[in-house]
Amino acid sequence: MTANEIIQEADNLPKAEKLQVIHHLLGAVEGADAGQQKAVERLLRRLENPDIPEAMFRAMEDIEDGRTVDMETALHEKPPWRP
């Protein structure tokens, strides 16, 4: 089976099955480092959940990457960039 035949078959799959194929193929890619895998996972998350606003995805990624501040610090301390 050629790549074009596979692509044509994939175009005829229901959305859920297309996503399953994408997950499988991305898992089979060798040599991807952790940063590349994280980027792909984040893209897939967006494709699987188009009804979720982009701001929510960015917030989830900030939490995953440790870019958060606890509420007490945010309320009672000056940010480092302010005099």
PDB file of N, CA and C in Angstrom:
ATOM      1  N   MET A   1       0.852  -1.169   0.000  1.00  0.00           N
ATOM      2  CA  MET A   1       0.000   0.000   0.000  1.00  0.00           C
ATOM      3  C   MET A   1       0.901   1.236   0.000  1.00  0.00           C
ATOM      4  N   THR A   2       0.582   2.200  -0.847  1.00  0.00           N
ATOM      5  CA  THR A   2       1.390   3.414  -0.932  1.00  0.00           C
ATOM      6  C   THR A   2       0.924   4.439   0.098  1.00  0.00           C
ATOM      7  N   ALA A   3       1.753   5.454   0.292  1.00  0.00           N
ATOM      8  CA  ALA A   3       1.397   6.523   1.232  1.00  0.00           C
ATOM      9  C   ALA A   3       0.123   7.231   0.781  1.00  0.00           C
ATOM     10  N   ASN A   4      -0.020   7.450  -0.521  1.00  0.00           N
ATOM     11  CA  ASN A   4      -1.230   8.116  -1.028  1.00  0.00           C
ATOM     12  C   ASN A   4      -2.479   7.286  -0.762  1.00  0.00           C
ATOM     13  N   GLU A   5      -2.374   5.979  -0.896  1.00  0.00           N
ATOM     14  CA  GLU A   5      -3.520   5.110  -0.613  1.00  0.00           C
ATOM     15  C   GLU A   5      -3.880   5.155   0.874  1.00  0.00           C
ATOM     16  N   ILE A   6      -2.868   5.179   1.708  1.00  0.00           N
ATOM     17  CA  ILE A   6      -3.119   5.263   3.149  1.00  0.00           C
ATOM     18  C   ILE A   6      -3.795   6.586   3.489  1.00  0.00           C
ATOM     19  N   ILE A   7      -3.328   7.659   2.892  1.00  0.00           N
ATOM     20  CA  ILE A   7      -3.919   8.978   3.140  1.00  0.00           C
ATOM     21  C   ILE A   7      -5.367   9.004   2.686  1.00  0.00           C
ATOM     22  N   GLN A   8      -5.656   8.428   1.530  1.00  0.00           N
ATOM     23  CA  GLN A   8      -7.039   8.382   1.042  1.00  0.00           C
ATOM     24  C   GLN A   8      -7.921   7.582   1.991  1.00  0.00           C
ATOM     25  N   GLU A   9      -7.408   6.473   2.487  1.00  0.00           N
ATOM     26  CA  GLU A   9      -8.170   5.669   3.450  1.00  0.00           C
ATOM     27  C   GLU A   9      -8.412   6.463   4.730  1.00  0.00           C
ATOM     28  N   ALA A  10      -7.388   7.161   5.192  1.00  0.00           N
ATOM     29  CA  ALA A  10      -7.511   7.933   6.429  1.00  0.00           C
ATOM     30  C   ALA A  10      -8.531   9.058   6.278  1.00  0.00           C
ATOM     31  N   ASP A  11      -8.611   9.640   5.096  1.00  0.00           N
ATOM     32  CA  ASP A  11      -9.585  10.713   4.862  1.00  0.00           C
ATOM     33  C   ASP A  11     -11.015  10.224   5.020  1.00  0.00           C
ATOM     34  N   ASN A  12     -11.244   8.949   4.822  1.00  0.00           N
ATOM     35  CA  ASN A  12     -12.598   8.393   4.913  1.00  0.00           C
ATOM     36  C   ASN A  12     -12.959   7.911   6.318  1.00  0.00           C
ATOM     37  N   LEU A  13     -12.018   7.972   7.248  1.00  0.00           N
ATOM     38  CA  LEU A  13     -12.287   7.512   8.614  1.00  0.00           C
ATOM     39  C   LEU A  13     -13.097   8.549   9.397  1.00  0.00           C
ATOM     40  N   PRO A  14     -13.882   8.095  10.363  1.00  0.00           N
ATOM     41  CA  PRO A  14     -14.541   9.034  11.272  1.00  0.00           C
ATOM     42  C   PRO A  14     -13.487   9.762  12.111  1.00  0.00           C
ATOM     43  N   LYS A  15     -13.858  10.920  12.649  1.00  0.00           N
ATOM     44  CA  LYS A  15     -12.913  11.756  13.384  1.00  0.00           C
ATOM     45  C   LYS A  15     -12.228  10.995  14.520  1.00  0.00           C
ATOM     46  N   ALA A  16     -12.987  10.240  15.300  1.00  0.00           N
ATOM     47  CA  ALA A  16     -12.404   9.523  16.444  1.00  0.00           C
ATOM     48  C   ALA A  16     -11.334   8.537  15.985  1.00  0.00           C
ATOM     49  N   GLU A  17     -11.574   7.863  14.885  1.00  0.00           N
ATOM     50  CA  GLU A  17     -10.598   6.895  14.381  1.00  0.00           C
ATOM     51  C   GLU A  17      -9.382   7.599  13.781  1.00  0.00           C
ATOM     52  N   LYS A  18      -9.590   8.757  13.153  1.00  0.00           N
ATOM     53  CA  LYS A  18      -8.451   9.527  12.643  1.00  0.00           C
ATOM     54  C   LYS A  18      -7.519   9.907  13.784  1.00  0.00           C
ATOM     55  N   LEU A  19      -8.103  10.362  14.894  1.00  0.00           N
ATOM     56  CA  LEU A  19      -7.286  10.744  16.045  1.00  0.00           C
ATOM     57  C   LEU A  19      -6.532   9.547  16.606  1.00  0.00           C
ATOM     58  N   GLN A  20      -7.166   8.391  16.595  1.00  0.00           N
ATOM     59  CA  GLN A  20      -6.512   7.174  17.070  1.00  0.00           C
ATOM     60  C   GLN A  20      -5.305   6.849  16.188  1.00  0.00           C
ATOM     61  N   VAL A  21      -5.462   6.994  14.884  1.00  0.00           N
ATOM     62  CA  VAL A  21      -4.357   6.739  13.952  1.00  0.00           C
ATOM     63  C   VAL A  21      -3.227   7.744  14.184  1.00  0.00           C
ATOM     64  N   ILE A  22      -3.586   9.011  14.379  1.00  0.00           N
ATOM     65  CA  ILE A  22      -2.574  10.041  14.616  1.00  0.00           C
ATOM     66  C   ILE A  22      -1.782   9.724  15.877  1.00  0.00           C
ATOM     67  N   HIS A  23      -2.481   9.377  16.952  1.00  0.00           N
ATOM     68  CA  HIS A  23      -1.790   9.025  18.196  1.00  0.00           C
ATOM     69  C   HIS A  23      -0.828   7.860  17.974  1.00  0.00           C
ATOM     70  N   HIS A  24      -1.264   6.862  17.246  1.00  0.00           N
ATOM     71  CA  HIS A  24      -0.414   5.696  16.991  1.00  0.00           C
ATOM     72  C   HIS A  24       0.826   6.091  16.189  1.00  0.00           C
ATOM     73  N   LEU A  25       0.634   6.856  15.129  1.00  0.00           N
ATOM     74  CA  LEU A  25       1.758   7.233  14.281  1.00  0.00           C
ATOM     75  C   LEU A  25       2.754   8.108  15.026  1.00  0.00           C
ATOM     76  N   LEU A  26       2.250   9.033  15.822  1.00  0.00           N
ATOM     77  CA  LEU A  26       3.157   9.900  16.567  1.00  0.00           C
ATOM     78  C   LEU A  26       3.922   9.122  17.627  1.00  0.00           C
ATOM     79  N   GLY A  27       3.305   8.120  18.189  1.00  0.00           N
ATOM     80  CA  GLY A  27       3.998   7.277  19.157  1.00  0.00           C
ATOM     81  C   GLY A  27       5.073   6.438  18.503  1.00  0.00           C
ATOM     82  N   ALA A  28       4.926   6.177  17.215  1.00  0.00           N
ATOM     83  CA  ALA A  28       5.885   5.342  16.496  1.00  0.00           C
ATOM     84  C   ALA A  28       7.074   6.133  15.963  1.00  0.00           C
ATOM     85  N   VAL A  29       7.001   7.470  16.036  1.00  0.00           N
ATOM     86  CA  VAL A  29       8.094   8.293  15.522  1.00  0.00           C
ATOM     87  C   VAL A  29       9.287   8.172  16.468  1.00  0.00           C
ATOM     88  N   GLU A  30      10.390   7.722  15.925  1.00  0.00           N
ATOM     89  CA  GLU A  30      11.592   7.544  16.740  1.00  0.00           C
ATOM     90  C   GLU A  30      12.438   8.807  16.684  1.00  0.00           C
ATOM     91  N   GLY A  31      13.155   9.043  17.746  1.00  0.00           N
ATOM     92  CA  GLY A  31      14.086  10.159  17.763  1.00  0.00           C
ATOM     93  C   GLY A  31      13.494  11.475  18.220  1.00  0.00           C
ATOM     94  N   ALA A  32      12.218  11.510  18.543  1.00  0.00           N
ATOM     95  CA  ALA A  32      11.617  12.753  19.012  1.00  0.00           C
ATOM     96  C   ALA A  32      12.033  12.987  20.457  1.00  0.00           C
ATOM     97  N   ASP A  33      12.505  14.200  20.734  1.00  0.00           N
ATOM     98  CA  ASP A  33      12.888  14.490  22.115  1.00  0.00           C
ATOM     99  C   ASP A  33      11.657  14.893  22.926  1.00  0.00           C
ATOM    100  N   ALA A  34      11.847  15.103  24.209  1.00  0.00           N
ATOM    101  CA  ALA A  34      10.722  15.391  25.110  1.00  0.00           C
ATOM    102  C   ALA A  34      10.000  16.677  24.718  1.00  0.00           C
ATOM    103  N   GLY A  35      10.745  17.683  24.277  1.00  0.00           N
ATOM    104  CA  GLY A  35      10.128  18.943  23.867  1.00  0.00           C
ATOM    105  C   GLY A  35       9.242  18.775  22.644  1.00  0.00           C
ATOM    106  N   GLN A  36       9.696  17.981  21.689  1.00  0.00           N
ATOM    107  CA  GLN A  36       8.895  17.730  20.491  1.00  0.00           C
ATOM    108  C   GLN A  36       7.649  16.931  20.838  1.00  0.00           C
ATOM    109  N   GLN A  37       7.795  15.952  21.708  1.00  0.00           N
ATOM    110  CA  GLN A  37       6.639  15.148  22.106  1.00  0.00           C
ATOM    111  C   GLN A  37       5.610  16.003  22.832  1.00  0.00           C
ATOM    112  N   LYS A  38       6.076  16.907  23.697  1.00  0.00           N
ATOM    113  CA  LYS A  38       5.165  17.783  24.430  1.00  0.00           C
ATOM    114  C   LYS A  38       4.408  18.690  23.457  1.00  0.00           C
ATOM    115  N   ALA A  39       5.116  19.223  22.455  1.00  0.00           N
ATOM    116  CA  ALA A  39       4.475  20.092  21.476  1.00  0.00           C
ATOM    117  C   ALA A  39       3.406  19.336  20.688  1.00  0.00           C
ATOM    118  N   VAL A  40       3.702  18.112  20.314  1.00  0.00           N
ATOM    119  CA  VAL A  40       2.731  17.298  19.575  1.00  0.00           C
ATOM    120  C   VAL A  40       1.525  16.982  20.449  1.00  0.00           C
ATOM    121  N   GLU A  41       1.770  16.623  21.716  1.00  0.00           N
ATOM    122  CA  GLU A  41       0.664  16.325  22.630  1.00  0.00           C
ATOM    123  C   GLU A  41      -0.245  17.531  22.804  1.00  0.00           C
ATOM    124  N   ARG A  42       0.358  18.708  22.882  1.00  0.00           N
ATOM    125  CA  ARG A  42      -0.442  19.926  23.053  1.00  0.00           C
ATOM    126  C   ARG A  42      -1.257  20.227  21.799  1.00  0.00           C
ATOM    127  N   LEU A  43      -0.673  20.001  20.650  1.00  0.00           N
ATOM    128  CA  LEU A  43      -1.414  20.196  19.405  1.00  0.00           C
ATOM    129  C   LEU A  43      -2.573  19.219  19.311  1.00  0.00           C
ATOM    130  N   LEU A  44      -2.333  17.959  19.646  1.00  0.00           N
ATOM    131  CA  LEU A  44      -3.398  16.957  19.612  1.00  0.00           C
ATOM    132  C   LEU A  44      -4.516  17.313  20.584  1.00  0.00           C
ATOM    133  N   ARG A  45      -4.145  17.827  21.741  1.00  0.00           N
ATOM    134  CA  ARG A  45      -5.152  18.233  22.727  1.00  0.00           C
ATOM    135  C   ARG A  45      -6.088  19.286  22.123  1.00  0.00           C
ATOM    136  N   ARG A  46      -5.508  20.217  21.393  1.00  0.00           N
ATOM    137  CA  ARG A  46      -6.326  21.259  20.754  1.00  0.00           C
ATOM    138  C   ARG A  46      -7.221  20.670  19.656  1.00  0.00           C
ATOM    139  N   LEU A  47      -6.669  19.752  18.879  1.00  0.00           N
ATOM    140  CA  LEU A  47      -7.448  19.139  17.802  1.00  0.00           C
ATOM    141  C   LEU A  47      -8.586  18.284  18.345  1.00  0.00           C
ATOM    142  N   GLU A  48      -8.344  17.608  19.464  1.00  0.00           N
ATOM    143  CA  GLU A  48      -9.365  16.739  20.050  1.00  0.00           C
ATOM    144  C   GLU A  48     -10.469  17.526  20.743  1.00  0.00           C
ATOM    145  N   ASN A  49     -10.171  18.762  21.140  1.00  0.00           N
ATOM    146  CA  ASN A  49     -11.123  19.559  21.919  1.00  0.00           C
ATOM    147  C   ASN A  49     -11.276  20.954  21.322  1.00  0.00           C
ATOM    148  N   PRO A  50     -11.815  21.061  20.115  1.00  0.00           N
ATOM    149  CA  PRO A  50     -11.897  22.371  19.463  1.00  0.00           C
ATOM    150  C   PRO A  50     -12.845  23.349  20.161  1.00  0.00           C
ATOM    151  N   ASP A  51     -13.704  22.854  21.037  1.00  0.00           N
ATOM    152  CA  ASP A  51     -14.655  23.721  21.722  1.00  0.00           C
ATOM    153  C   ASP A  51     -14.048  24.417  22.941  1.00  0.00           C
ATOM    154  N   ILE A  52     -12.846  24.043  23.352  1.00  0.00           N
ATOM    155  CA  ILE A  52     -12.186  24.676  24.493  1.00  0.00           C
ATOM    156  C   ILE A  52     -11.417  25.898  23.994  1.00  0.00           C
ATOM    157  N   PRO A  53     -11.596  27.052  24.655  1.00  0.00           N
ATOM    158  CA  PRO A  53     -10.911  28.277  24.218  1.00  0.00           C
ATOM    159  C   PRO A  53      -9.386  28.167  24.334  1.00  0.00           C
ATOM    160  N   GLU A  54      -8.696  28.853  23.458  1.00  0.00           N
ATOM    161  CA  GLU A  54      -7.232  28.841  23.444  1.00  0.00           C
ATOM    162  C   GLU A  54      -6.661  29.318  24.776  1.00  0.00           C
ATOM    163  N   ALA A  55      -7.299  30.292  25.405  1.00  0.00           N
ATOM    164  CA  ALA A  55      -6.810  30.803  26.690  1.00  0.00           C
ATOM    165  C   ALA A  55      -6.773  29.697  27.744  1.00  0.00           C
ATOM    166  N   MET A  56      -7.715  28.795  27.696  1.00  0.00           N
ATOM    167  CA  MET A  56      -7.741  27.692  28.657  1.00  0.00           C
ATOM    168  C   MET A  56      -6.564  26.742  28.422  1.00  0.00           C
ATOM    169  N   PHE A  57      -6.262  26.467  27.149  1.00  0.00           N
ATOM    170  CA  PHE A  57      -5.108  25.619  26.842  1.00  0.00           C
ATOM    171  C   PHE A  57      -3.820  26.272  27.344  1.00  0.00           C
ATOM    172  N   ARG A  58      -3.675  27.590  27.117  1.00  0.00           N
ATOM    173  CA  ARG A  58      -2.474  28.281  27.582  1.00  0.00           C
ATOM    174  C   ARG A  58      -2.360  28.215  29.099  1.00  0.00           C
ATOM    175  N   ALA A  59      -3.484  28.367  29.792  1.00  0.00           N
ATOM    176  CA  ALA A  59      -3.472  28.290  31.256  1.00  0.00           C
ATOM    177  C   ALA A  59      -3.053  26.895  31.724  1.00  0.00           C
ATOM    178  N   MET A  60      -3.585  25.859  31.079  1.00  0.00           N
ATOM    179  CA  MET A  60      -3.216  24.490  31.456  1.00  0.00           C
ATOM    180  C   MET A  60      -1.725  24.250  31.218  1.00  0.00           C
ATOM    181  N   GLU A  61      -1.200  24.788  30.126  1.00  0.00           N
ATOM    182  CA  GLU A  61       0.215  24.610  29.814  1.00  0.00           C
ATOM    183  C   GLU A  61       1.098  25.382  30.787  1.00  0.00           C
ATOM    184  N   ASP A  62       0.640  26.565  31.222  1.00  0.00           N
ATOM    185  CA  ASP A  62       1.388  27.304  32.244  1.00  0.00           C
ATOM    186  C   ASP A  62       1.501  26.475  33.516  1.00  0.00           C
ATOM    187  N   ILE A  63       0.413  25.838  33.906  1.00  0.00           N
ATOM    188  CA  ILE A  63       0.425  24.999  35.108  1.00  0.00           C
ATOM    189  C   ILE A  63       1.353  23.801  34.905  1.00  0.00           C
ATOM    190  N   GLU A  64       1.247  23.136  33.746  1.00  0.00           N
ATOM    191  CA  GLU A  64       2.103  21.978  33.466  1.00  0.00           C
ATOM    192  C   GLU A  64       3.584  22.338  33.517  1.00  0.00           C
ATOM    193  N   ASP A  65       3.914  23.551  33.053  1.00  0.00           N
ATOM    194  CA  ASP A  65       5.311  23.974  32.980  1.00  0.00           C
ATOM    195  C   ASP A  65       5.785  24.675  34.250  1.00  0.00           C
ATOM    196  N   GLY A  66       4.912  24.768  35.252  1.00  0.00           N
ATOM    197  CA  GLY A  66       5.303  25.370  36.517  1.00  0.00           C
ATOM    198  C   GLY A  66       5.331  26.883  36.514  1.00  0.00           C
ATOM    199  N   ARG A  67       4.644  27.512  35.570  1.00  0.00           N
ATOM    200  CA  ARG A  67       4.600  28.968  35.509  1.00  0.00           C
ATOM    201  C   ARG A  67       3.380  29.474  36.283  1.00  0.00           C
ATOM    202  N   THR A  68       3.423  29.306  37.589  1.00  0.00           N
ATOM    203  CA  THR A  68       2.313  29.739  38.435  1.00  0.00           C
ATOM    204  C   THR A  68       2.856  30.464  39.661  1.00  0.00           C
ATOM    205  N   VAL A  69       1.976  31.213  40.293  1.00  0.00           N
ATOM    206  CA  VAL A  69       2.295  31.909  41.531  1.00  0.00           C
ATOM    207  C   VAL A  69       1.153  31.638  42.489  1.00  0.00           C
ATOM    208  N   ASP A  70       1.480  31.321  43.751  1.00  0.00           N
ATOM    209  CA  ASP A  70       0.389  31.067  44.689  1.00  0.00           C
ATOM    210  C   ASP A  70      -0.332  32.377  45.013  1.00  0.00           C
ATOM    211  N   MET A  71      -1.566  32.297  45.433  1.00  0.00           N
ATOM    212  CA  MET A  71      -2.429  33.456  45.619  1.00  0.00           C
ATOM    213  C   MET A  71      -1.884  34.422  46.673  1.00  0.00           C
ATOM    214  N   GLU A  72      -1.333  33.926  47.763  1.00  0.00           N
ATOM    215  CA  GLU A  72      -0.798  34.807  48.811  1.00  0.00           C
ATOM    216  C   GLU A  72       0.340  35.670  48.271  1.00  0.00           C
ATOM    217  N   THR A  73       1.221  35.073  47.497  1.00  0.00           N
ATOM    218  CA  THR A  73       2.321  35.832  46.904  1.00  0.00           C
ATOM    219  C   THR A  73       1.785  36.868  45.931  1.00  0.00           C
ATOM    220  N   ALA A  74       0.836  36.490  45.108  1.00  0.00           N
ATOM    221  CA  ALA A  74       0.276  37.406  44.122  1.00  0.00           C
ATOM    222  C   ALA A  74      -0.415  38.593  44.786  1.00  0.00           C
ATOM    223  N   LEU A  75      -1.062  38.375  45.916  1.00  0.00           N
ATOM    224  CA  LEU A  75      -1.805  39.444  46.582  1.00  0.00           C
ATOM    225  C   LEU A  75      -0.930  40.339  47.454  1.00  0.00           C
ATOM    226  N   HIS A  76       0.162  39.818  47.995  1.00  0.00           N
ATOM    227  CA  HIS A  76       0.886  40.562  49.016  1.00  0.00           C
ATOM    228  C   HIS A  76       2.306  40.975  48.649  1.00  0.00           C
ATOM    229  N   GLU A  77       2.840  40.508  47.551  1.00  0.00           N
ATOM    230  CA  GLU A  77       4.200  40.883  47.179  1.00  0.00           C
ATOM    231  C   GLU A  77       4.196  41.617  45.850  1.00  0.00           C
ATOM    232  N   LYS A  78       5.145  42.548  45.703  1.00  0.00           N
ATOM    233  CA  LYS A  78       5.273  43.276  44.445  1.00  0.00           C
ATOM    234  C   LYS A  78       5.973  42.382  43.424  1.00  0.00           C
ATOM    235  N   PRO A  79       5.532  42.436  42.175  1.00  0.00           N
ATOM    236  CA  PRO A  79       6.233  41.672  41.134  1.00  0.00           C
ATOM    237  C   PRO A  79       7.671  42.176  40.993  1.00  0.00           C
ATOM    238  N   PRO A  80       8.604  41.326  40.609  1.00  0.00           N
ATOM    239  CA  PRO A  80      10.009  41.731  40.531  1.00  0.00           C
ATOM    240  C   PRO A  80      10.269  42.836  39.510  1.00  0.00           C
ATOM    241  N   TRP A  81       9.415  43.025  38.529  1.00  0.00           N
ATOM    242  CA  TRP A  81       9.655  44.039  37.507  1.00  0.00           C
ATOM    243  C   TRP A  81       9.085  45.399  37.910  1.00  0.00           C
ATOM    244  N   ARG A  82       8.388  45.500  39.046  1.00  0.00           N
ATOM    245  CA  ARG A  82       7.843  46.786  39.496  1.00  0.00           C
ATOM    246  C   ARG A  82       8.716  47.366  40.604  1.00  0.00           C
ATOM    247  N   PRO A  83       8.924  48.691  40.572  1.00  0.00           N
ATOM    248  CA  PRO A  83       9.740  49.335  41.623  1.00  0.00           C
ATOM    249  C   PRO A  83       9.007  49.411  42.948  1.00  0.00           C
TER     250      PRO A  83
END
